[in-house]
Amino acid sequence: MAIEQHRDWLVSLRRDLHRRPEPAWREFYTTARIVEELRDLPVDEILIGREMLDSDQRLGVPDDAELDTWFEQAHEYDVDEEVLDQLRGGHTGAMAVLNRGDGPTIGLRVDIDGLPQEESSASDHHPASEGFRSTHDDHMHACGHDGHTAIGLGVIQAIADSDFQGTLKVFFQPAEEIVGGGKAVAEGGHLDDLDAFLAIHLGLDHPTGEIVAGVDGFLAVSHFDAEFTGEPGHAGGHPEQGRNAVQAMATAVQNLYAIPRHNDGATRVNAGKVGGGTASNIIPEAAFIEGEVRGETTELMEYTHEKAINVIESAAEMHECEVSITGGGEAPSARSDEAAVEQVAQAAERTAGVRSIVRRDDLGGSEDATYLMQRVQDHGGVAGFVGIGTDHPGGHHTSTFDVDEDSISIGVEVLTDAIQRLATETQAAD
C-alpha cells in the first residue's frame, strides 16, 4: 500500500489546518477546506453541515454574535463561498461517501475542532519554528484534530486505491471538544446502515509506533451552566438590602465537591469556570458556574448530575437567589467491540512503523464518539475506538502540544487495512 506517496500532501494539509484552528461549531474554514480536498478525491457523495447531522441535536452552540465573528473571519480566506453559506449559523462538519460495489458499509469518524488555548511561540516548539503556528489568537489545535482530519482524508484516498469492496463513509465531526457534535451526527441517520465503525485519536500518552486496538474506559459526561441572580446593595451602607449571588455561587461550588462518591464506580465533578460581581463595594447581583459531571457509566454520570442540580438549586435558595441551569455538551459511556479490536490489532501487526500493540486501554476521559459507537451497536453493527500513538512534547490541551507527523501515515495505513479486514470479516459472516 503506497501510503508514503501521499505523506507530503497530508502533512501540508495538517499544517494548513493547524494555522487556522476553529472551536466547536465555528469550524467554517476547516469544513470548507475539507470539502475542497474531498472534491479532488474519487468520492461519490459529499454531505455538508445540515445534510450530515441533525442540527436540532447540536449541543453547546455559541450565540449568534460569536458565530458571526468566526464566519466573517473564514470569509477572509480563499475558500468556496457557496460552501461557507451552507455552514452559516454553526452547521459545520462534512461527510464523504465512497462506493466500491456490493459489500458491507464501514464508517470512520474523525473530529475537526480546535481549542481556546494560546499556542506557544517558543523557538523549540515545532509549529513555531517551522512557520505553521496558529494565526488565530487564543486558539490552537492542542489535541491533534488537525492530524485526525488529515488521517481521514488519507484513508479515503488509500481505500480508493485499494481493492476494497463495499461502501466507506467518513464523518468529519465538529464540536468534539465540548462533547457537542457526536449526538447531532448520530441522529443524522447516516450511521444506521453501518456494519462496522471506527473512531480514532492521536496520542493519548502513547508514543509514535504504538497502536491501541481498542480504547475503553470512556467516562460519560454532562456539562452545565448555572446563572445565579440576586439583588445589588451597598456593601458598606446597606448590606442587608442585597441578595448576594456570589455567596450562592460559592456555596454551590463548595457543595458540588462534597457530592458523595458511588459504590458502583468512579464519578467526577468540576466547577471549571466561576465568576460574578462588579465592584468591591457592591453586593453582587449576578454570578455563574460553568461545570461538568462525569461517571464511569452513563448511569453514574446521571446520578452525579442529579445531585449537582440539587446542590446548585439548594445553594440559591439558601441565599435567597434565583438560578437558571442550562445543559451543554454531553456524551454516554461506551466500549469497543472485540470484533473491531481484533481486526485493528491484526492490521497493526502488518503495518511498517508499528513497534508495539496495546490490545485495550482505558481513556480515562470522555469522548462524544460514544454516541456514534452506541448508534452503530444498537443497529447491529460493531464499533471500536482506535488510539494512534504519537510523540507529543506537551500534554493534550497545553500550549506546547504537537504531533509527530510520521504518525499520520501510520494511522492511515493501520485504518485502511483494518477497514478492509472488517469488510471482509463482515461479508464472510453474512
Protein backbone atom coordinates (compact mmCIF):
# COMPACT_ATOMS: atom_id res chain seq x y z
CA MET A 1 0.00 0.00 0.00
CA ALA A 2 1.61 3.22 -1.21
CA ILE A 3 0.70 5.40 1.74
CA GLU A 4 4.05 7.20 1.80
CA GLN A 5 3.43 8.74 -1.62
CA HIS A 6 0.67 10.81 -0.02
CA ARG A 7 2.68 11.85 3.04
CA ASP A 8 3.65 15.32 1.79
CA TRP A 9 0.04 16.10 0.90
CA LEU A 10 -1.24 15.04 4.32
CA VAL A 11 1.47 16.88 6.25
CA SER A 12 0.89 20.05 4.23
CA LEU A 13 -2.85 19.84 4.84
CA ARG A 14 -2.35 19.19 8.54
CA ARG A 15 -0.14 22.26 8.83
CA ASP A 16 -2.64 24.43 6.96
CA LEU A 17 -5.39 23.41 9.36
CA HIS A 18 -3.04 23.90 12.31
CA ARG A 19 -2.55 27.55 11.30
CA ARG A 20 -6.29 28.20 11.38
CA PRO A 21 -7.85 26.34 14.32
CA GLU A 22 -11.54 26.93 14.92
CA PRO A 23 -13.51 25.96 18.04
CA ALA A 24 -16.74 24.00 18.27
CA TRP A 25 -19.48 24.87 15.77
CA ARG A 26 -17.23 27.56 14.30
CA GLU A 27 -15.20 25.25 12.04
CA PHE A 28 -16.14 27.24 8.94
CA TYR A 29 -12.75 27.42 7.22
CA THR A 30 -11.91 23.90 8.37
CA THR A 31 -15.07 22.40 6.87
CA ALA A 32 -14.72 24.35 3.63
CA ARG A 33 -11.11 23.22 3.34
CA ILE A 34 -12.12 19.58 3.91
CA VAL A 35 -14.77 19.86 1.18
CA GLU A 36 -12.17 21.34 -1.15
CA GLU A 37 -9.93 18.32 -0.60
CA LEU A 38 -12.82 15.86 -0.94
CA ARG A 39 -13.68 17.29 -4.35
CA ASP A 40 -10.22 16.27 -5.52
CA LEU A 41 -10.73 12.70 -4.31
CA PRO A 42 -12.72 9.95 -6.05
CA VAL A 43 -15.66 10.13 -3.64
CA ASP A 44 -19.21 9.57 -4.82
CA GLU A 45 -21.03 11.89 -2.41
CA ILE A 46 -20.17 14.83 -0.16
CA LEU A 47 -22.65 15.88 2.52
CA ILE A 48 -22.17 19.24 4.23
CA GLY A 49 -23.49 20.56 7.55
CA ARG A 50 -27.25 20.04 7.79
CA GLU A 51 -27.05 17.24 5.22
CA MET A 52 -25.00 15.02 7.52
CA LEU A 53 -26.23 15.91 11.01
CA ASP A 54 -29.43 16.69 12.87
CA SER A 55 -28.99 20.40 13.56
CA ASP A 56 -31.62 20.35 16.30
CA GLN A 57 -29.43 17.94 18.30
CA ARG A 58 -26.34 20.18 18.35
CA LEU A 59 -25.14 20.79 21.91
CA GLY A 60 -23.30 23.84 23.23
CA VAL A 61 -23.83 26.04 20.17
CA PRO A 62 -22.48 29.57 20.85
CA ASP A 63 -24.56 32.70 20.39
CA ASP A 64 -25.10 34.35 17.01
CA ALA A 65 -22.57 37.10 17.61
CA GLU A 66 -19.82 34.58 18.32
CA LEU A 67 -20.76 32.50 15.30
CA ASP A 68 -20.81 35.57 13.06
CA THR A 69 -17.32 36.64 14.17
CA TRP A 70 -15.79 33.33 13.13
CA PHE A 71 -17.91 33.12 9.99
CA GLU A 72 -16.68 36.51 8.78
CA GLN A 73 -13.10 35.51 9.56
CA ALA A 74 -13.49 32.44 7.36
CA HIS A 75 -14.67 34.68 4.53
CA GLU A 76 -11.25 36.32 4.54
CA TYR A 77 -9.67 33.08 3.34
CA ASP A 78 -9.65 31.63 -0.15
CA VAL A 79 -12.42 29.05 0.18
CA ASP A 80 -15.68 28.33 -1.66
CA GLU A 81 -18.28 30.94 -0.69
CA GLU A 82 -21.16 28.60 -1.53
CA VAL A 83 -19.84 26.02 0.91
CA LEU A 84 -19.46 28.67 3.60
CA ASP A 85 -23.05 29.75 3.10
CA GLN A 86 -24.18 26.18 3.80
CA LEU A 87 -22.34 26.34 7.13
CA ARG A 88 -23.80 29.65 8.29
CA GLY A 89 -25.22 29.54 11.81
CA GLY A 90 -22.83 26.88 13.05
CA HIS A 91 -23.96 23.97 10.87
CA THR A 92 -20.43 22.71 10.35
CA GLY A 93 -18.93 19.33 9.50
CA ALA A 94 -18.86 17.15 6.41
CA MET A 95 -19.21 13.54 5.35
CA ALA A 96 -17.78 11.65 2.37
CA VAL A 97 -19.20 8.51 0.80
CA LEU A 98 -17.07 6.18 -1.31
CA ASN A 99 -18.98 3.41 -3.13
CA ARG A 100 -16.95 0.45 -4.36
CA GLY A 101 -19.50 -2.14 -5.41
CA ASP A 102 -21.51 -4.61 -3.36
CA GLY A 103 -20.32 -5.25 0.15
CA PRO A 104 -20.54 -4.07 3.75
CA THR A 105 -20.79 -0.44 4.81
CA ILE A 106 -17.96 0.74 7.05
CA GLY A 107 -17.76 4.09 8.86
CA LEU A 108 -14.84 6.15 10.13
CA ARG A 109 -15.15 9.22 12.33
CA VAL A 110 -12.53 11.95 12.75
CA ASP A 111 -13.05 15.18 14.69
CA ILE A 112 -12.07 18.60 13.37
CA ASP A 113 -12.34 21.34 16.03
CA GLY A 114 -9.64 23.25 17.89
CA LEU A 115 -9.40 24.61 21.43
CA PRO A 116 -9.45 28.02 23.16
CA GLN A 117 -5.76 27.75 24.06
CA GLU A 118 -2.95 30.17 23.20
CA GLU A 119 -0.17 28.35 21.32
CA SER A 120 3.44 28.53 22.42
CA SER A 121 5.74 30.77 20.40
CA ALA A 122 8.93 29.28 21.86
CA SER A 123 11.67 28.57 19.35
CA ASP A 124 11.73 24.88 20.25
CA HIS A 125 8.00 24.50 19.54
CA HIS A 126 7.90 22.80 16.14
CA PRO A 127 4.89 24.67 14.67
CA ALA A 128 6.50 27.97 15.68
CA SER A 129 9.95 27.13 14.32
CA GLU A 130 8.53 25.72 11.06
CA GLY A 131 6.09 28.57 10.46
CA PHE A 132 2.72 26.91 10.96
CA ARG A 133 1.88 28.13 14.47
CA SER A 134 -1.76 29.20 14.97
CA THR A 135 -2.64 32.59 13.48
CA HIS A 136 -5.88 32.72 15.49
CA ASP A 137 -5.28 34.44 18.82
CA ASP A 138 -6.03 32.35 21.91
CA HIS A 139 -6.86 29.24 19.85
CA MET A 140 -4.84 26.24 18.71
CA HIS A 141 -5.03 22.58 17.74
CA ALA A 142 -3.94 21.35 21.14
CA CYS A 143 -5.40 17.86 20.81
CA GLY A 144 -4.40 16.67 17.36
CA HIS A 145 -7.64 17.11 15.46
CA ASP A 146 -5.73 18.65 12.56
CA GLY A 147 -3.89 15.34 12.32
CA HIS A 148 -7.15 13.41 12.66
CA THR A 149 -8.59 15.30 9.70
CA ALA A 150 -5.52 14.53 7.60
CA ILE A 151 -5.79 10.85 8.51
CA GLY A 152 -9.46 10.76 7.48
CA LEU A 153 -8.67 12.19 4.05
CA GLY A 154 -5.68 9.88 3.68
CA VAL A 155 -7.85 6.84 4.41
CA ILE A 156 -10.32 7.87 1.71
CA GLN A 157 -7.52 8.07 -0.86
CA ALA A 158 -5.96 4.79 0.29
CA ILE A 159 -9.28 2.91 0.22
CA ALA A 160 -9.99 4.32 -3.24
CA ASP A 161 -6.61 2.96 -4.39
CA SER A 162 -7.26 -0.48 -2.84
CA ASP A 163 -9.41 -3.47 -3.81
CA PHE A 164 -11.97 -2.64 -1.09
CA GLN A 165 -15.48 -3.87 -1.89
CA GLY A 166 -18.37 -2.07 -0.24
CA THR A 167 -19.16 1.44 0.96
CA LEU A 168 -17.00 3.68 3.11
CA LYS A 169 -18.45 6.64 5.00
CA VAL A 170 -16.07 9.11 6.62
CA PHE A 171 -17.53 11.57 9.12
CA PHE A 172 -15.62 14.83 9.74
CA GLN A 173 -17.32 15.69 13.02
CA PRO A 174 -17.48 19.16 14.58
CA ALA A 175 -17.58 20.13 18.26
CA GLU A 176 -15.93 17.15 19.93
CA GLU A 177 -14.00 19.32 22.39
CA ILE A 178 -17.25 20.39 24.05
CA VAL A 179 -18.81 16.92 23.51
CA GLY A 180 -21.39 18.77 21.45
CA GLY A 181 -21.29 17.25 17.97
CA GLY A 182 -21.49 13.49 18.39
CA LYS A 183 -25.18 13.38 19.21
CA ALA A 184 -26.09 15.52 16.18
CA VAL A 185 -24.09 13.26 13.86
CA ALA A 186 -25.52 10.10 15.42
CA GLU A 187 -29.05 11.44 14.96
CA GLY A 188 -28.34 12.43 11.36
CA GLY A 189 -29.36 8.98 10.14
CA HIS A 190 -26.19 8.08 8.27
CA LEU A 191 -24.87 5.50 10.72
CA ASP A 192 -27.88 3.21 10.85
CA ASP A 193 -26.75 1.05 7.92
CA LEU A 194 -23.15 0.62 9.10
CA ASP A 195 -21.84 -2.89 9.56
CA ALA A 196 -18.72 -1.63 11.33
CA PHE A 197 -17.46 1.70 12.62
CA LEU A 198 -14.15 3.08 13.89
CA ALA A 199 -13.24 6.34 15.59
CA ILE A 200 -9.67 7.48 16.27
CA HIS A 201 -7.44 9.64 18.40
CA LEU A 202 -3.77 10.54 18.15
CA GLY A 203 -1.56 10.44 21.23
CA LEU A 204 -3.37 9.62 24.45
CA ASP A 205 0.07 9.29 26.04
CA HIS A 206 1.11 6.51 23.65
CA PRO A 207 4.30 7.05 21.61
CA THR A 208 4.73 7.05 17.86
CA GLY A 209 4.65 3.48 16.60
CA GLU A 210 2.25 2.21 19.27
CA ILE A 211 -1.35 1.33 18.39
CA VAL A 212 -4.17 0.85 20.89
CA ALA A 213 -6.51 -1.52 19.08
CA GLY A 214 -9.45 -0.82 21.39
CA VAL A 215 -9.87 2.22 23.63
CA ASP A 216 -12.32 1.76 26.52
CA GLY A 217 -12.90 3.45 29.85
CA PHE A 218 -14.88 6.37 28.45
CA LEU A 219 -16.38 8.46 31.22
CA ALA A 220 -19.92 9.59 30.47
CA VAL A 221 -20.04 13.38 30.77
CA SER A 222 -22.55 16.22 31.01
CA HIS A 223 -21.73 19.93 31.01
CA PHE A 224 -23.88 22.55 32.74
CA ASP A 225 -24.08 26.33 33.08
CA ALA A 226 -25.64 27.87 36.19
CA GLU A 227 -26.59 31.58 36.27
CA PHE A 228 -27.33 32.99 39.74
CA THR A 229 -29.39 36.16 40.14
CA GLY A 230 -29.64 38.15 43.37
CA GLU A 231 -30.09 41.84 44.19
CA PRO A 232 -27.43 44.55 44.47
CA GLY A 233 -26.90 46.66 47.56
CA HIS A 234 -24.30 48.99 49.08
CA ALA A 235 -21.80 46.71 50.79
CA GLY A 236 -20.99 49.31 53.44
CA GLY A 237 -24.19 51.28 53.95
CA HIS A 238 -26.98 48.74 53.46
CA PRO A 239 -25.63 45.22 53.08
CA GLU A 240 -28.91 43.80 54.37
CA GLN A 241 -30.70 45.08 51.26
CA GLY A 242 -28.72 42.89 48.89
CA ARG A 243 -29.03 39.24 47.93
CA ASN A 244 -25.53 38.02 47.26
CA ALA A 245 -25.30 35.92 44.10
CA VAL A 246 -21.59 35.25 44.59
CA GLN A 247 -22.32 33.85 48.04
CA ALA A 248 -24.85 31.47 46.48
CA MET A 249 -22.36 30.51 43.78
CA ALA A 250 -19.57 29.92 46.32
CA THR A 251 -21.83 27.74 48.44
CA ALA A 252 -22.73 25.71 45.37
CA VAL A 253 -19.10 25.23 44.38
CA GLN A 254 -18.15 24.06 47.85
CA ASN A 255 -21.01 21.58 47.99
CA LEU A 256 -20.54 20.27 44.46
CA TYR A 257 -17.24 18.83 45.56
CA ALA A 258 -18.99 17.24 48.54
CA ILE A 259 -21.29 15.08 46.40
CA PRO A 260 -20.84 11.50 47.69
CA ARG A 261 -18.88 9.09 45.52
CA HIS A 262 -20.73 5.97 44.38
CA ASN A 263 -20.09 2.31 45.17
CA ASP A 264 -20.77 1.25 41.56
CA GLY A 265 -17.81 3.12 40.07
CA ALA A 266 -15.91 6.34 39.51
CA THR A 267 -17.62 9.75 39.44
CA ARG A 268 -16.23 13.23 38.79
CA VAL A 269 -17.42 16.81 39.28
CA ASN A 270 -15.71 20.05 38.38
CA ALA A 271 -16.63 23.74 38.62
CA GLY A 272 -14.24 24.69 35.85
CA LYS A 273 -15.11 28.36 35.44
CA VAL A 274 -16.77 30.63 38.01
CA GLY A 275 -17.26 34.34 38.41
CA GLY A 276 -19.52 37.23 39.38
CA GLY A 277 -19.82 40.66 40.87
CA THR A 278 -18.92 44.11 39.59
CA ALA A 279 -17.06 46.01 42.34
CA SER A 280 -15.72 45.55 45.85
CA ASN A 281 -18.37 47.82 47.41
CA ILE A 282 -21.42 46.35 45.65
CA ILE A 283 -23.31 43.26 46.81
CA PRO A 284 -23.06 41.01 43.70
CA GLU A 285 -26.36 40.55 41.88
CA ALA A 286 -25.07 38.01 39.32
CA ALA A 287 -22.70 35.05 39.34
CA PHE A 288 -22.14 31.92 37.31
CA ILE A 289 -20.66 28.43 37.25
CA GLU A 290 -19.59 26.53 34.16
CA GLY A 291 -19.07 22.95 35.22
CA GLU A 292 -19.33 19.28 34.38
CA VAL A 293 -20.03 15.89 35.89
CA ARG A 294 -18.71 12.52 34.74
CA GLY A 295 -19.29 8.88 35.55
CA GLU A 296 -17.73 5.53 34.75
CA THR A 297 -21.11 4.61 33.29
CA THR A 298 -23.93 6.70 31.90
CA GLU A 299 -25.98 5.84 35.00
CA LEU A 300 -23.23 7.09 37.32
CA MET A 301 -22.97 10.33 35.35
CA GLU A 302 -26.74 10.78 35.67
CA TYR A 303 -26.55 10.12 39.41
CA THR A 304 -23.87 12.82 39.81
CA HIS A 305 -25.76 15.23 37.55
CA GLU A 306 -28.94 14.88 39.60
CA LYS A 307 -27.00 15.54 42.81
CA ALA A 308 -25.28 18.56 41.22
CA ILE A 309 -28.58 20.15 40.19
CA ASN A 310 -29.92 19.68 43.71
CA VAL A 311 -26.78 21.27 45.22
CA ILE A 312 -26.98 24.31 42.93
CA GLU A 313 -30.69 24.91 43.46
CA SER A 314 -30.35 24.48 47.24
CA ALA A 315 -27.45 26.95 47.38
CA ALA A 316 -29.51 29.54 45.52
CA GLU A 317 -32.47 29.04 47.83
CA MET A 318 -30.26 29.27 50.93
CA HIS A 319 -29.09 32.74 49.92
CA GLU A 320 -32.47 33.91 48.57
CA CYS A 321 -31.28 34.00 44.97
CA GLU A 322 -32.65 32.58 41.77
CA VAL A 323 -30.73 30.25 39.50
CA SER A 324 -31.12 29.18 35.89
CA ILE A 325 -29.40 25.93 34.90
CA THR A 326 -28.86 25.00 31.27
CA GLY A 327 -27.18 22.00 29.76
CA GLY A 328 -24.19 21.93 27.42
CA GLY A 329 -22.39 19.07 25.72
CA GLU A 330 -22.81 15.52 26.91
CA ALA A 331 -21.84 12.01 25.94
CA PRO A 332 -22.52 8.48 27.20
CA SER A 333 -20.00 5.77 28.02
CA ALA A 334 -19.16 3.02 25.50
CA ARG A 335 -16.92 0.02 24.93
CA SER A 336 -15.05 -1.17 21.84
CA ASP A 337 -16.36 -4.45 20.42
CA GLU A 338 -13.89 -7.32 20.41
CA ALA A 339 -14.55 -7.97 16.71
CA ALA A 340 -13.29 -4.48 15.88
CA VAL A 341 -10.35 -4.72 18.27
CA GLU A 342 -9.20 -7.97 16.66
CA GLN A 343 -9.18 -6.57 13.13
CA VAL A 344 -7.35 -3.40 14.16
CA ALA A 345 -4.75 -5.45 16.03
CA GLN A 346 -4.17 -7.68 13.00
CA ALA A 347 -3.85 -4.64 10.75
CA ALA A 348 -1.33 -3.07 13.13
CA GLU A 349 0.76 -6.24 13.09
CA ARG A 350 1.19 -5.86 9.33
CA THR A 351 1.98 -2.14 9.34
CA ALA A 352 5.53 -0.87 8.93
CA GLY A 353 6.34 1.63 11.64
CA VAL A 354 4.21 -0.05 14.30
CA ARG A 355 6.54 -1.16 17.06
CA SER A 356 4.05 -2.19 19.74
CA ILE A 357 0.36 -3.02 20.03
CA VAL A 358 -1.76 -2.46 23.12
CA ARG A 359 -4.90 -4.52 22.71
CA ARG A 360 -7.06 -2.42 25.06
CA ASP A 361 -6.51 0.65 27.22
CA ASP A 362 -8.73 2.98 29.22
CA LEU A 363 -9.11 6.56 28.02
CA GLY A 364 -9.77 7.97 31.48
CA GLY A 365 -11.69 10.88 29.95
CA SER A 366 -14.71 11.50 27.77
CA GLU A 367 -15.43 11.44 24.05
CA ASP A 368 -18.64 12.00 22.13
CA ALA A 369 -17.70 9.38 19.54
CA THR A 370 -19.51 7.20 22.08
CA TYR A 371 -22.83 8.46 20.67
CA LEU A 372 -21.81 7.16 17.25
CA MET A 373 -20.47 3.89 18.65
CA GLN A 374 -23.69 3.21 20.52
CA ARG A 375 -25.80 4.11 17.49
CA VAL A 376 -23.96 1.57 15.35
CA GLN A 377 -24.05 -1.09 18.07
CA ASP A 378 -27.78 -0.53 18.65
CA HIS A 379 -28.37 -1.21 14.95
CA GLY A 380 -26.42 -4.47 14.99
CA GLY A 381 -23.00 -3.26 13.85
CA VAL A 382 -19.65 -3.44 15.59
CA ALA A 383 -17.75 -0.37 16.76
CA GLY A 384 -14.30 0.44 18.06
CA PHE A 385 -12.15 3.36 19.09
CA VAL A 386 -8.50 3.28 17.96
CA GLY A 387 -5.56 5.02 19.61
CA ILE A 388 -2.73 6.02 17.25
CA GLY A 389 0.38 6.77 19.25
CA THR A 390 2.27 9.99 18.59
CA ASP A 391 5.19 11.62 20.36
CA HIS A 392 3.92 14.92 21.73
CA PRO A 393 6.22 17.29 23.63
CA GLY A 394 3.43 18.83 25.67
CA GLY A 395 0.33 17.20 27.13
CA HIS A 396 -3.02 17.33 25.43
CA HIS A 397 -4.72 20.72 25.81
CA THR A 398 -1.47 22.53 26.58
CA SER A 399 0.25 25.35 24.67
CA THR A 400 3.15 23.12 23.56
CA PHE A 401 1.11 20.20 22.24
CA ASP A 402 2.14 18.93 18.82
CA VAL A 403 2.01 15.64 16.93
CA ASP A 404 4.75 13.61 15.30
CA GLU A 405 3.76 13.83 11.64
CA ASP A 406 5.12 10.32 10.99
CA SER A 407 2.15 9.03 12.97
CA ILE A 408 -0.26 10.34 10.32
CA SER A 409 0.98 7.84 7.71
CA ILE A 410 0.99 5.05 10.29
CA GLY A 411 -2.61 5.86 11.19
CA VAL A 412 -3.72 5.88 7.57
CA GLU A 413 -2.15 2.50 6.88
CA VAL A 414 -3.49 0.79 10.02
CA LEU A 415 -7.01 2.12 9.47
CA THR A 416 -7.06 1.32 5.77
CA ASP A 417 -6.06 -2.28 6.44
CA ALA A 418 -8.49 -2.54 9.38
CA ILE A 419 -11.39 -1.23 7.27
CA GLN A 420 -10.67 -3.80 4.57
CA ARG A 421 -10.44 -6.55 7.17
CA LEU A 422 -13.73 -5.50 8.79
CA ALA A 423 -15.41 -5.52 5.39
CA THR A 424 -14.07 -8.99 4.57
CA GLU A 425 -14.97 -10.33 8.02
CA THR A 426 -18.49 -8.91 7.85
CA GLN A 427 -19.09 -10.32 4.36
CA ALA A 428 -17.85 -13.73 5.44
CA ALA A 429 -20.20 -13.70 8.44
CA ASP A 430 -23.15 -12.98 6.18
